[in-house]
Full PDB file with SEQRES, HELIX, SHEET, SSBOND, CRYST1, ORIGX, SCALE, CONECT and MASTER records, all heavy atoms in Angstrom:
SEQRES   1 A   38  ASP TYR ALA ALA VAL MET ALA SER MET LEU ARG SER GLN          
SEQRES   2 A   38  ALA ILE PRO THR ARG LEU GLU VAL GLY TYR LYS GLY GLU          
SEQRES   3 A   38  GLU TYR HIS ALA TRP ILE SER THR TYR ILE GLN ASP              
HELIX    1 AA1 TYR A    2  ARG A   11  1                                  10    
SHEET    1 AA1 2 THR A  17  LYS A  24  0                                        
SHEET    2 AA1 2 GLU A  27  THR A  34 -1                                        
CRYST1    1.000    1.000    1.000  90.00  90.00  90.00 P 1           1          
ORIGX1      1.000000  0.000000  0.000000        0.00000                         
ORIGX2      0.000000  1.000000  0.000000        0.00000                         
ORIGX3      0.000000  0.000000  1.000000        0.00000                         
SCALE1      1.000000  0.000000  0.000000        0.00000                         
SCALE2      0.000000  1.000000  0.000000        0.00000                         
SCALE3      0.000000  0.000000  1.000000        0.00000                         
ATOM      1  N   ASP A   1       4.258  -1.202   9.244  1.00  0.00           N  
ATOM      2  CA  ASP A   1       3.268  -0.437  10.004  1.00  0.00           C  
ATOM      3  C   ASP A   1       2.727   0.735   9.191  1.00  0.00           C  
ATOM      4  O   ASP A   1       1.518   0.971   9.137  1.00  0.00           O  
ATOM      5  CB  ASP A   1       3.885   0.087  11.302  1.00  0.00           C  
ATOM      6  CG  ASP A   1       4.376  -1.020  12.222  1.00  0.00           C  
ATOM      7  OD1 ASP A   1       3.700  -2.058  12.297  1.00  0.00           O  
ATOM      8  OD2 ASP A   1       5.423  -0.837  12.865  1.00  0.00           O  
ATOM      9  N   TYR A   2       3.632   1.490   8.582  1.00  0.00           N  
ATOM     10  CA  TYR A   2       3.221   2.627   7.753  1.00  0.00           C  
ATOM     11  C   TYR A   2       2.242   2.171   6.671  1.00  0.00           C  
ATOM     12  O   TYR A   2       1.207   2.797   6.439  1.00  0.00           O  
ATOM     13  CB  TYR A   2       4.440   3.247   7.074  1.00  0.00           C  
ATOM     14  CG  TYR A   2       5.254   4.182   7.919  1.00  0.00           C  
ATOM     15  CD1 TYR A   2       6.031   3.717   8.965  1.00  0.00           C  
ATOM     16  CD2 TYR A   2       5.273   5.542   7.645  1.00  0.00           C  
ATOM     17  CE1 TYR A   2       6.810   4.565   9.730  1.00  0.00           C  
ATOM     18  CE2 TYR A   2       6.052   6.419   8.397  1.00  0.00           C  
ATOM     19  CZ  TYR A   2       6.817   5.920   9.437  1.00  0.00           C  
ATOM     20  OH  TYR A   2       7.586   6.779  10.191  1.00  0.00           O  
ATOM     21  N   ALA A   3       2.612   1.096   5.999  1.00  0.00           N  
ATOM     22  CA  ALA A   3       1.787   0.612   4.896  1.00  0.00           C  
ATOM     23  C   ALA A   3       0.419   0.149   5.378  1.00  0.00           C  
ATOM     24  O   ALA A   3      -0.607   0.427   4.752  1.00  0.00           O  
ATOM     25  CB  ALA A   3       2.505  -0.522   4.161  1.00  0.00           C  
ATOM     26  N   ALA A   4       0.379  -0.565   6.507  1.00  0.00           N  
ATOM     27  CA  ALA A   4      -0.887  -1.064   7.037  1.00  0.00           C  
ATOM     28  C   ALA A   4      -1.799   0.082   7.471  1.00  0.00           C  
ATOM     29  O   ALA A   4      -3.010   0.053   7.218  1.00  0.00           O  
ATOM     30  CB  ALA A   4      -0.640  -2.018   8.207  1.00  0.00           C  
ATOM     31  N   VAL A   5      -1.230   1.101   8.126  1.00  0.00           N  
ATOM     32  CA  VAL A   5      -2.026   2.238   8.579  1.00  0.00           C  
ATOM     33  C   VAL A   5      -2.578   3.007   7.377  1.00  0.00           C  
ATOM     34  O   VAL A   5      -3.768   3.330   7.317  1.00  0.00           O  
ATOM     35  CB  VAL A   5      -1.188   3.172   9.479  1.00  0.00           C  
ATOM     36  CG1 VAL A   5      -1.901   4.504   9.683  1.00  0.00           C  
ATOM     37  CG2 VAL A   5      -0.936   2.506  10.823  1.00  0.00           C  
ATOM     38  N   MET A   6      -1.731   3.289   6.403  1.00  0.00           N  
ATOM     39  CA  MET A   6      -2.175   4.071   5.261  1.00  0.00           C  
ATOM     40  C   MET A   6      -3.186   3.304   4.420  1.00  0.00           C  
ATOM     41  O   MET A   6      -4.171   3.854   3.931  1.00  0.00           O  
ATOM     42  CB  MET A   6      -0.977   4.458   4.411  1.00  0.00           C  
ATOM     43  CG  MET A   6      -0.961   5.936   4.074  1.00  0.00           C  
ATOM     44  SD  MET A   6       0.517   6.414   3.192  1.00  0.00           S  
ATOM     45  CE  MET A   6      -0.217   7.623   2.116  1.00  0.00           C  
ATOM     46  N   ALA A   7      -2.965   1.995   4.262  1.00  0.00           N  
ATOM     47  CA  ALA A   7      -3.918   1.176   3.525  1.00  0.00           C  
ATOM     48  C   ALA A   7      -5.268   1.157   4.235  1.00  0.00           C  
ATOM     49  O   ALA A   7      -6.323   1.208   3.592  1.00  0.00           O  
ATOM     50  CB  ALA A   7      -3.382  -0.243   3.354  1.00  0.00           C  
ATOM     51  N   SER A   8      -5.251   1.088   5.557  1.00  0.00           N  
ATOM     52  CA  SER A   8      -6.498   1.110   6.322  1.00  0.00           C  
ATOM     53  C   SER A   8      -7.248   2.419   6.106  1.00  0.00           C  
ATOM     54  O   SER A   8      -8.469   2.436   5.908  1.00  0.00           O  
ATOM     55  CB  SER A   8      -6.204   0.928   7.817  1.00  0.00           C  
ATOM     56  OG  SER A   8      -5.590  -0.310   8.087  1.00  0.00           O  
ATOM     57  N   MET A   9      -6.528   3.524   6.149  1.00  0.00           N  
ATOM     58  CA  MET A   9      -7.144   4.832   5.990  1.00  0.00           C  
ATOM     59  C   MET A   9      -7.775   4.977   4.604  1.00  0.00           C  
ATOM     60  O   MET A   9      -8.921   5.422   4.464  1.00  0.00           O  
ATOM     61  CB  MET A   9      -6.106   5.927   6.224  1.00  0.00           C  
ATOM     62  CG  MET A   9      -5.540   5.942   7.636  1.00  0.00           C  
ATOM     63  SD  MET A   9      -4.199   7.131   7.889  1.00  0.00           S  
ATOM     64  CE  MET A   9      -5.155   8.657   8.072  1.00  0.00           C  
ATOM     65  N   LEU A  10      -7.049   4.576   3.579  1.00  0.00           N  
ATOM     66  CA  LEU A  10      -7.542   4.756   2.215  1.00  0.00           C  
ATOM     67  C   LEU A  10      -8.663   3.770   1.879  1.00  0.00           C  
ATOM     68  O   LEU A  10      -9.655   4.135   1.243  1.00  0.00           O  
ATOM     69  CB  LEU A  10      -6.391   4.632   1.228  1.00  0.00           C  
ATOM     70  CG  LEU A  10      -5.334   5.737   1.359  1.00  0.00           C  
ATOM     71  CD1 LEU A  10      -4.156   5.471   0.418  1.00  0.00           C  
ATOM     72  CD2 LEU A  10      -5.936   7.110   1.078  1.00  0.00           C  
ATOM     73  N   ARG A  11      -8.539   2.523   2.326  1.00  0.00           N  
ATOM     74  CA  ARG A  11      -9.621   1.564   2.081  1.00  0.00           C  
ATOM     75  C   ARG A  11     -10.910   2.014   2.757  1.00  0.00           C  
ATOM     76  O   ARG A  11     -11.997   1.815   2.207  1.00  0.00           O  
ATOM     77  CB  ARG A  11      -9.215   0.172   2.575  1.00  0.00           C  
ATOM     78  CG  ARG A  11      -8.149  -0.496   1.738  1.00  0.00           C  
ATOM     79  CD  ARG A  11      -7.858  -1.925   2.193  1.00  0.00           C  
ATOM     80  NE  ARG A  11      -6.706  -2.468   1.494  1.00  0.00           N  
ATOM     81  CZ  ARG A  11      -6.280  -3.731   1.594  1.00  0.00           C  
ATOM     82  NH1 ARG A  11      -6.924  -4.589   2.373  1.00  0.00           N  
ATOM     83  NH2 ARG A  11      -5.219  -4.133   0.925  1.00  0.00           N  
ATOM     84  N   SER A  12     -10.782   2.611   3.925  1.00  0.00           N  
ATOM     85  CA  SER A  12     -11.987   3.060   4.631  1.00  0.00           C  
ATOM     86  C   SER A  12     -12.662   4.223   3.923  1.00  0.00           C  
ATOM     87  O   SER A  12     -13.810   4.548   4.206  1.00  0.00           O  
ATOM     88  CB  SER A  12     -11.647   3.451   6.074  1.00  0.00           C  
ATOM     89  OG  SER A  12     -10.946   4.689   6.127  1.00  0.00           O  
ATOM     90  N   GLN A  13     -11.953   4.847   2.990  1.00  0.00           N  
ATOM     91  CA  GLN A  13     -12.524   5.900   2.160  1.00  0.00           C  
ATOM     92  C   GLN A  13     -12.865   5.384   0.765  1.00  0.00           C  
ATOM     93  O   GLN A  13     -12.998   6.157  -0.186  1.00  0.00           O  
ATOM     94  CB  GLN A  13     -11.554   7.076   2.073  1.00  0.00           C  
ATOM     95  CG  GLN A  13     -11.525   7.949   3.312  1.00  0.00           C  
ATOM     96  CD  GLN A  13     -12.822   8.715   3.505  1.00  0.00           C  
ATOM     97  OE1 GLN A  13     -13.338   9.338   2.589  1.00  0.00           O  
ATOM     98  NE2 GLN A  13     -13.368   8.657   4.727  1.00  0.00           N  
ATOM     99  N   ALA A  14     -13.014   4.063   0.653  1.00  0.00           N  
ATOM    100  CA  ALA A  14     -13.407   3.403  -0.605  1.00  0.00           C  
ATOM    101  C   ALA A  14     -12.387   3.619  -1.715  1.00  0.00           C  
ATOM    102  O   ALA A  14     -12.736   3.637  -2.898  1.00  0.00           O  
ATOM    103  CB  ALA A  14     -14.788   3.857  -1.052  1.00  0.00           C  
ATOM    104  N   ILE A  15     -11.118   3.749  -1.347  1.00  0.00           N  
ATOM    105  CA  ILE A  15     -10.033   3.871  -2.327  1.00  0.00           C  
ATOM    106  C   ILE A  15      -9.251   2.555  -2.303  1.00  0.00           C  
ATOM    107  O   ILE A  15      -8.568   2.257  -1.319  1.00  0.00           O  
ATOM    108  CB  ILE A  15      -9.106   5.049  -1.993  1.00  0.00           C  
ATOM    109  CG1 ILE A  15      -9.902   6.362  -1.993  1.00  0.00           C  
ATOM    110  CG2 ILE A  15      -7.957   5.130  -2.983  1.00  0.00           C  
ATOM    111  CD1 ILE A  15      -9.103   7.578  -1.573  1.00  0.00           C  
ATOM    112  N   PRO A  16      -9.360   1.741  -3.349  1.00  0.00           N  
ATOM    113  CA  PRO A  16      -8.653   0.454  -3.360  1.00  0.00           C  
ATOM    114  C   PRO A  16      -7.150   0.660  -3.168  1.00  0.00           C  
ATOM    115  O   PRO A  16      -6.529   1.469  -3.856  1.00  0.00           O  
ATOM    116  CB  PRO A  16      -8.962  -0.109  -4.756  1.00  0.00           C  
ATOM    117  CG  PRO A  16     -10.229   0.577  -5.160  1.00  0.00           C  
ATOM    118  CD  PRO A  16     -10.132   1.957  -4.574  1.00  0.00           C  
ATOM    119  N   THR A  17      -6.581  -0.085  -2.222  1.00  0.00           N  
ATOM    120  CA  THR A  17      -5.177   0.099  -1.872  1.00  0.00           C  
ATOM    121  C   THR A  17      -4.534  -1.265  -1.629  1.00  0.00           C  
ATOM    122  O   THR A  17      -5.063  -2.084  -0.879  1.00  0.00           O  
ATOM    123  CB  THR A  17      -5.040   0.963  -0.610  1.00  0.00           C  
ATOM    124  OG1 THR A  17      -5.717   2.207  -0.825  1.00  0.00           O  
ATOM    125  CG2 THR A  17      -3.579   1.244  -0.297  1.00  0.00           C  
ATOM    126  N   ARG A  18      -3.405  -1.485  -2.275  1.00  0.00           N  
ATOM    127  CA  ARG A  18      -2.671  -2.738  -2.108  1.00  0.00           C  
ATOM    128  C   ARG A  18      -1.508  -2.530  -1.146  1.00  0.00           C  
ATOM    129  O   ARG A  18      -0.759  -1.565  -1.277  1.00  0.00           O  
ATOM    130  CB  ARG A  18      -2.112  -3.219  -3.451  1.00  0.00           C  
ATOM    131  CG  ARG A  18      -3.156  -3.547  -4.474  1.00  0.00           C  
ATOM    132  CD  ARG A  18      -2.582  -4.213  -5.712  1.00  0.00           C  
ATOM    133  NE  ARG A  18      -1.611  -3.415  -6.436  1.00  0.00           N  
ATOM    134  CZ  ARG A  18      -1.478  -3.455  -7.771  1.00  0.00           C  
ATOM    135  NH1 ARG A  18      -2.255  -4.247  -8.495  1.00  0.00           N  
ATOM    136  NH2 ARG A  18      -0.563  -2.708  -8.362  1.00  0.00           N  
ATOM    137  N   LEU A  19      -1.367  -3.427  -0.185  1.00  0.00           N  
ATOM    138  CA  LEU A  19      -0.156  -3.484   0.613  1.00  0.00           C  
ATOM    139  C   LEU A  19       0.780  -4.449  -0.105  1.00  0.00           C  
ATOM    140  O   LEU A  19       0.451  -5.620  -0.288  1.00  0.00           O  
ATOM    141  CB  LEU A  19      -0.451  -3.947   2.037  1.00  0.00           C  
ATOM    142  CG  LEU A  19       0.699  -3.843   3.052  1.00  0.00           C  
ATOM    143  CD1 LEU A  19       0.152  -3.792   4.470  1.00  0.00           C  
ATOM    144  CD2 LEU A  19       1.696  -4.991   2.936  1.00  0.00           C  
ATOM    145  N   GLU A  20       1.936  -3.959  -0.521  1.00  0.00           N  
ATOM    146  CA  GLU A  20       2.864  -4.764  -1.312  1.00  0.00           C  
ATOM    147  C   GLU A  20       4.134  -5.031  -0.516  1.00  0.00           C  
ATOM    148  O   GLU A  20       4.626  -4.168   0.207  1.00  0.00           O  
ATOM    149  CB  GLU A  20       3.192  -4.053  -2.623  1.00  0.00           C  
ATOM    150  CG  GLU A  20       1.934  -3.677  -3.402  1.00  0.00           C  
ATOM    151  CD  GLU A  20       2.190  -3.344  -4.852  1.00  0.00           C  
ATOM    152  OE1 GLU A  20       3.222  -3.802  -5.393  1.00  0.00           O  
ATOM    153  OE2 GLU A  20       1.369  -2.638  -5.451  1.00  0.00           O  
ATOM    154  N   VAL A  21       4.643  -6.232  -0.680  1.00  0.00           N  
ATOM    155  CA  VAL A  21       5.878  -6.639  -0.014  1.00  0.00           C  
ATOM    156  C   VAL A  21       6.818  -7.203  -1.068  1.00  0.00           C  
ATOM    157  O   VAL A  21       6.409  -7.983  -1.918  1.00  0.00           O  
ATOM    158  CB  VAL A  21       5.605  -7.692   1.077  1.00  0.00           C  
ATOM    159  CG1 VAL A  21       6.918  -8.213   1.666  1.00  0.00           C  
ATOM    160  CG2 VAL A  21       4.722  -7.113   2.177  1.00  0.00           C  
ATOM    161  N   GLY A  22       8.060  -6.774  -1.020  1.00  0.00           N  
ATOM    162  CA  GLY A  22       9.021  -7.245  -2.007  1.00  0.00           C  
ATOM    163  C   GLY A  22      10.415  -6.752  -1.708  1.00  0.00           C  
ATOM    164  O   GLY A  22      10.796  -6.599  -0.548  1.00  0.00           O  
ATOM    165  N   TYR A  23      11.161  -6.454  -2.768  1.00  0.00           N  
ATOM    166  CA  TYR A  23      12.564  -6.099  -2.617  1.00  0.00           C  
ATOM    167  C   TYR A  23      12.913  -4.804  -3.334  1.00  0.00           C  
ATOM    168  O   TYR A  23      12.376  -4.494  -4.398  1.00  0.00           O  
ATOM    169  CB  TYR A  23      13.456  -7.198  -3.184  1.00  0.00           C  
ATOM    170  CG  TYR A  23      13.469  -8.450  -2.337  1.00  0.00           C  
ATOM    171  CD1 TYR A  23      12.560  -9.477  -2.571  1.00  0.00           C  
ATOM    172  CD2 TYR A  23      14.390  -8.601  -1.301  1.00  0.00           C  
ATOM    173  CE1 TYR A  23      12.569 -10.629  -1.801  1.00  0.00           C  
ATOM    174  CE2 TYR A  23      14.408  -9.752  -0.526  1.00  0.00           C  
ATOM    175  CZ  TYR A  23      13.498 -10.758  -0.781  1.00  0.00           C  
ATOM    176  OH  TYR A  23      13.506 -11.897  -0.017  1.00  0.00           O  
ATOM    177  N   LYS A  24      13.806  -4.049  -2.715  1.00  0.00           N  
ATOM    178  CA  LYS A  24      14.531  -2.985  -3.399  1.00  0.00           C  
ATOM    179  C   LYS A  24      15.981  -3.427  -3.390  1.00  0.00           C  
ATOM    180  O   LYS A  24      16.656  -3.396  -2.365  1.00  0.00           O  
ATOM    181  CB  LYS A  24      14.385  -1.647  -2.685  1.00  0.00           C  
ATOM    182  CG  LYS A  24      15.132  -0.513  -3.388  1.00  0.00           C  
ATOM    183  CD  LYS A  24      14.935   0.802  -2.670  1.00  0.00           C  
ATOM    184  CE  LYS A  24      15.837   0.897  -1.460  1.00  0.00           C  
ATOM    185  NZ  LYS A  24      17.257   1.093  -1.841  1.00  0.00           N  
ATOM    186  N   GLY A  25      16.451  -3.889  -4.536  1.00  0.00           N  
ATOM    187  CA  GLY A  25      17.755  -4.542  -4.556  1.00  0.00           C  
ATOM    188  C   GLY A  25      17.675  -5.818  -3.748  1.00  0.00           C  
ATOM    189  O   GLY A  25      16.841  -6.676  -3.999  1.00  0.00           O  
ATOM    190  N   GLU A  26      18.514  -5.935  -2.729  1.00  0.00           N  
ATOM    191  CA  GLU A  26      18.510  -7.126  -1.877  1.00  0.00           C  
ATOM    192  C   GLU A  26      17.790  -6.881  -0.565  1.00  0.00           C  
ATOM    193  O   GLU A  26      17.761  -7.752   0.303  1.00  0.00           O  
ATOM    194  CB  GLU A  26      19.958  -7.562  -1.599  1.00  0.00           C  
ATOM    195  CG  GLU A  26      20.708  -7.991  -2.855  1.00  0.00           C  
ATOM    196  CD  GLU A  26      22.129  -8.425  -2.543  1.00  0.00           C  
ATOM    197  OE1 GLU A  26      22.544  -8.259  -1.384  1.00  0.00           O  
ATOM    198  OE2 GLU A  26      22.800  -8.930  -3.464  1.00  0.00           O  
ATOM    199  N   GLU A  27      17.189  -5.698  -0.393  1.00  0.00           N  
ATOM    200  CA  GLU A  27      16.559  -5.343   0.871  1.00  0.00           C  
ATOM    201  C   GLU A  27      15.051  -5.565   0.800  1.00  0.00           C  
ATOM    202  O   GLU A  27      14.410  -5.276  -0.201  1.00  0.00           O  
ATOM    203  CB  GLU A  27      16.866  -3.881   1.211  1.00  0.00           C  
ATOM    204  CG  GLU A  27      18.357  -3.619   1.378  1.00  0.00           C  
ATOM    205  CD  GLU A  27      18.658  -2.147   1.550  1.00  0.00           C  
ATOM    206  OE1 GLU A  27      17.832  -1.314   1.100  1.00  0.00           O  
ATOM    207  OE2 GLU A  27      19.702  -1.831   2.126  1.00  0.00           O  
ATOM    208  N   TYR A  28      14.505  -6.052   1.895  1.00  0.00           N  
ATOM    209  CA  TYR A  28      13.082  -6.375   1.980  1.00  0.00           C  
ATOM    210  C   TYR A  28      12.307  -5.119   2.360  1.00  0.00           C  
ATOM    211  O   TYR A  28      12.692  -4.394   3.278  1.00  0.00           O  
ATOM    212  CB  TYR A  28      12.896  -7.461   3.032  1.00  0.00           C  
ATOM    213  CG  TYR A  28      11.721  -8.379   2.791  1.00  0.00           C  
ATOM    214  CD1 TYR A  28      11.356  -8.783   1.512  1.00  0.00           C  
ATOM    215  CD2 TYR A  28      10.978  -8.874   3.864  1.00  0.00           C  
ATOM    216  CE1 TYR A  28      10.292  -9.649   1.305  1.00  0.00           C  
ATOM    217  CE2 TYR A  28       9.923  -9.739   3.676  1.00  0.00           C  
ATOM    218  CZ  TYR A  28       9.589 -10.119   2.387  1.00  0.00           C  
ATOM    219  OH  TYR A  28       8.527 -10.974   2.187  1.00  0.00           O  
ATOM    220  N   HIS A  29      11.184  -4.874   1.687  1.00  0.00           N  
ATOM    221  CA  HIS A  29      10.415  -3.654   1.897  1.00  0.00           C  
ATOM    222  C   HIS A  29       8.918  -3.919   1.924  1.00  0.00           C  
ATOM    223  O   HIS A  29       8.452  -4.959   1.463  1.00  0.00           O  
ATOM    224  CB  HIS A  29      10.665  -2.657   0.755  1.00  0.00           C  
ATOM    225  CG  HIS A  29      12.040  -2.118   0.702  1.00  0.00           C  
ATOM    226  ND1 HIS A  29      12.395  -0.899   1.232  1.00  0.00           N  
ATOM    227  CD2 HIS A  29      13.174  -2.630   0.170  1.00  0.00           C  
ATOM    228  CE1 HIS A  29      13.676  -0.687   1.017  1.00  0.00           C  
ATOM    229  NE2 HIS A  29      14.172  -1.722   0.384  1.00  0.00           N  
ATOM    230  N   ALA A  30       8.174  -2.941   2.423  1.00  0.00           N  
ATOM    231  CA  ALA A  30       6.712  -2.935   2.307  1.00  0.00           C  
ATOM    232  C   ALA A  30       6.290  -1.539   1.879  1.00  0.00           C  
ATOM    233  O   ALA A  30       6.866  -0.549   2.308  1.00  0.00           O  
ATOM    234  CB  ALA A  30       6.054  -3.305   3.637  1.00  0.00           C  
ATOM    235  N   TRP A  31       5.288  -1.463   1.014  1.00  0.00           N  
ATOM    236  CA  TRP A  31       4.791  -0.171   0.548  1.00  0.00           C  
ATOM    237  C   TRP A  31       3.346  -0.348   0.097  1.00  0.00           C  
ATOM    238  O   TRP A  31       2.783  -1.436   0.250  1.00  0.00           O  
ATOM    239  CB  TRP A  31       5.665   0.377  -0.592  1.00  0.00           C  
ATOM    240  CG  TRP A  31       5.696  -0.449  -1.834  1.00  0.00           C  
ATOM    241  CD1 TRP A  31       4.905  -0.317  -2.943  1.00  0.00           C  
ATOM    242  CD2 TRP A  31       6.581  -1.543  -2.110  1.00  0.00           C  
ATOM    243  NE1 TRP A  31       5.236  -1.249  -3.895  1.00  0.00           N  
ATOM    244  CE2 TRP A  31       6.269  -2.015  -3.413  1.00  0.00           C  
ATOM    245  CE3 TRP A  31       7.608  -2.168  -1.393  1.00  0.00           C  
ATOM    246  CZ2 TRP A  31       6.938  -3.083  -4.007  1.00  0.00           C  
ATOM    247  CZ3 TRP A  31       8.270  -3.234  -1.985  1.00  0.00           C  
ATOM    248  CH2 TRP A  31       7.939  -3.671  -3.275  1.00  0.00           C  
ATOM    249  N   ILE A  32       2.727   0.682  -0.421  1.00  0.00           N  
ATOM    250  CA  ILE A  32       1.379   0.536  -0.939  1.00  0.00           C  
ATOM    251  C   ILE A  32       1.267   1.152  -2.320  1.00  0.00           C  
ATOM    252  O   ILE A  32       2.064   2.005  -2.714  1.00  0.00           O  
ATOM    253  CB  ILE A  32       0.321   1.168  -0.007  1.00  0.00           C  
ATOM    254  CG1 ILE A  32       0.433   2.682   0.004  1.00  0.00           C  
ATOM    255  CG2 ILE A  32       0.384   0.600   1.383  1.00  0.00           C  
ATOM    256  CD1 ILE A  32      -0.680   3.362   0.780  1.00  0.00           C  
ATOM    257  N   SER A  33       0.305   0.689  -3.073  1.00  0.00           N  
ATOM    258  CA  SER A  33      -0.087   1.322  -4.323  1.00  0.00           C  
ATOM    259  C   SER A  33      -1.593   1.539  -4.268  1.00  0.00           C  
ATOM    260  O   SER A  33      -2.302   0.847  -3.538  1.00  0.00           O  
ATOM    261  CB  SER A  33       0.305   0.469  -5.533  1.00  0.00           C  
ATOM    262  OG  SER A  33      -0.266  -0.819  -5.459  1.00  0.00           O  
ATOM    263  N   THR A  34      -2.069   2.492  -5.042  1.00  0.00           N  
ATOM    264  CA  THR A  34      -3.450   2.942  -4.920  1.00  0.00           C  
ATOM    265  C   THR A  34      -4.124   3.002  -6.290  1.00  0.00           C  
ATOM    266  O   THR A  34      -3.494   3.374  -7.282  1.00  0.00           O  
ATOM    267  CB  THR A  34      -3.497   4.328  -4.257  1.00  0.00           C  
ATOM    268  OG1 THR A  34      -2.840   4.266  -2.996  1.00  0.00           O  
ATOM    269  CG2 THR A  34      -4.924   4.778  -4.035  1.00  0.00           C  
ATOM    270  N   TYR A  35      -5.390   2.638  -6.311  1.00  0.00           N  
ATOM    271  CA  TYR A  35      -6.154   2.661  -7.564  1.00  0.00           C  
ATOM    272  C   TYR A  35      -7.022   3.922  -7.615  1.00  0.00           C  
ATOM    273  O   TYR A  35      -7.807   4.191  -6.700  1.00  0.00           O  
ATOM    274  CB  TYR A  35      -7.060   1.433  -7.663  1.00  0.00           C  
ATOM    275  CG  TYR A  35      -7.781   1.321  -8.984  1.00  0.00           C  
ATOM    276  CD1 TYR A  35      -7.204   0.641 -10.056  1.00  0.00           C  
ATOM    277  CD2 TYR A  35      -9.033   1.898  -9.164  1.00  0.00           C  
ATOM    278  CE1 TYR A  35      -7.863   0.538 -11.274  1.00  0.00           C  
ATOM    279  CE2 TYR A  35      -9.702   1.802 -10.379  1.00  0.00           C  
ATOM    280  CZ  TYR A  35      -9.105   1.121 -11.423  1.00  0.00           C  
ATOM    281  OH  TYR A  35      -9.759   1.024 -12.629  1.00  0.00           O  
ATOM    282  N   ILE A  36      -6.874   4.688  -8.683  1.00  0.00           N  
ATOM    283  CA  ILE A  36      -7.654   5.896  -8.896  1.00  0.00           C  
ATOM    284  C   ILE A  36      -8.497   5.724 -10.157  1.00  0.00           C  
ATOM    285  O   ILE A  36      -7.971   5.361 -11.214  1.00  0.00           O  
ATOM    286  CB  ILE A  36      -6.752   7.134  -9.036  1.00  0.00           C  
ATOM    287  CG1 ILE A  36      -5.880   7.303  -7.789  1.00  0.00           C  
ATOM    288  CG2 ILE A  36      -7.593   8.393  -9.275  1.00  0.00           C  
ATOM    289  CD1 ILE A  36      -6.646   7.542  -6.512  1.00  0.00           C  
ATOM    290  N   GLN A  37      -9.786   5.967 -10.037  1.00  0.00           N  
ATOM    291  CA  GLN A  37     -10.704   5.826 -11.164  1.00  0.00           C  
ATOM    292  C   GLN A  37     -10.216   6.643 -12.358  1.00  0.00           C  
ATOM    293  O   GLN A  37      -9.782   7.779 -12.215  1.00  0.00           O  
ATOM    294  CB  GLN A  37     -12.103   6.296 -10.752  1.00  0.00           C  
ATOM    295  CG  GLN A  37     -13.188   5.989 -11.764  1.00  0.00           C  
ATOM    296  CD  GLN A  37     -13.479   4.496 -11.844  1.00  0.00           C  
ATOM    297  OE1 GLN A  37     -13.372   3.785 -10.848  1.00  0.00           O  
ATOM    298  NE2 GLN A  37     -13.864   4.018 -13.018  1.00  0.00           N  
ATOM    299  N   ASP A  38     -10.276   6.035 -13.542  1.00  0.00           N  
ATOM    300  CA  ASP A  38      -9.869   6.649 -14.814  1.00  0.00           C  
ATOM    301  C   ASP A  38      -8.364   6.810 -14.960  1.00  0.00           C  
ATOM    302  O   ASP A  38      -7.892   7.289 -15.991  1.00  0.00           O  
ATOM    303  CB  ASP A  38     -10.534   8.023 -15.024  1.00  0.00           C  
ATOM    304  CG  ASP A  38     -12.054   7.946 -15.100  1.00  0.00           C  
ATOM    305  OD1 ASP A  38     -12.559   6.929 -15.624  1.00  0.00           O  
ATOM    306  OD2 ASP A  38     -12.715   8.879 -14.623  1.00  0.00           O  
TER     307      ASP A  38                                                      
MASTER        0    0    0    1    2    0    0    6  306    1    0    3          
END                                                                             
């Protein structure tokens, strides 16, 4: 939920944002990364 909300907010401001899903150790996680010009 956190990742989806934050990605929505940043994409709506024309800031490319990836919602990423994967692992920290053996635990499943979701997070985001953001693209900044230059």
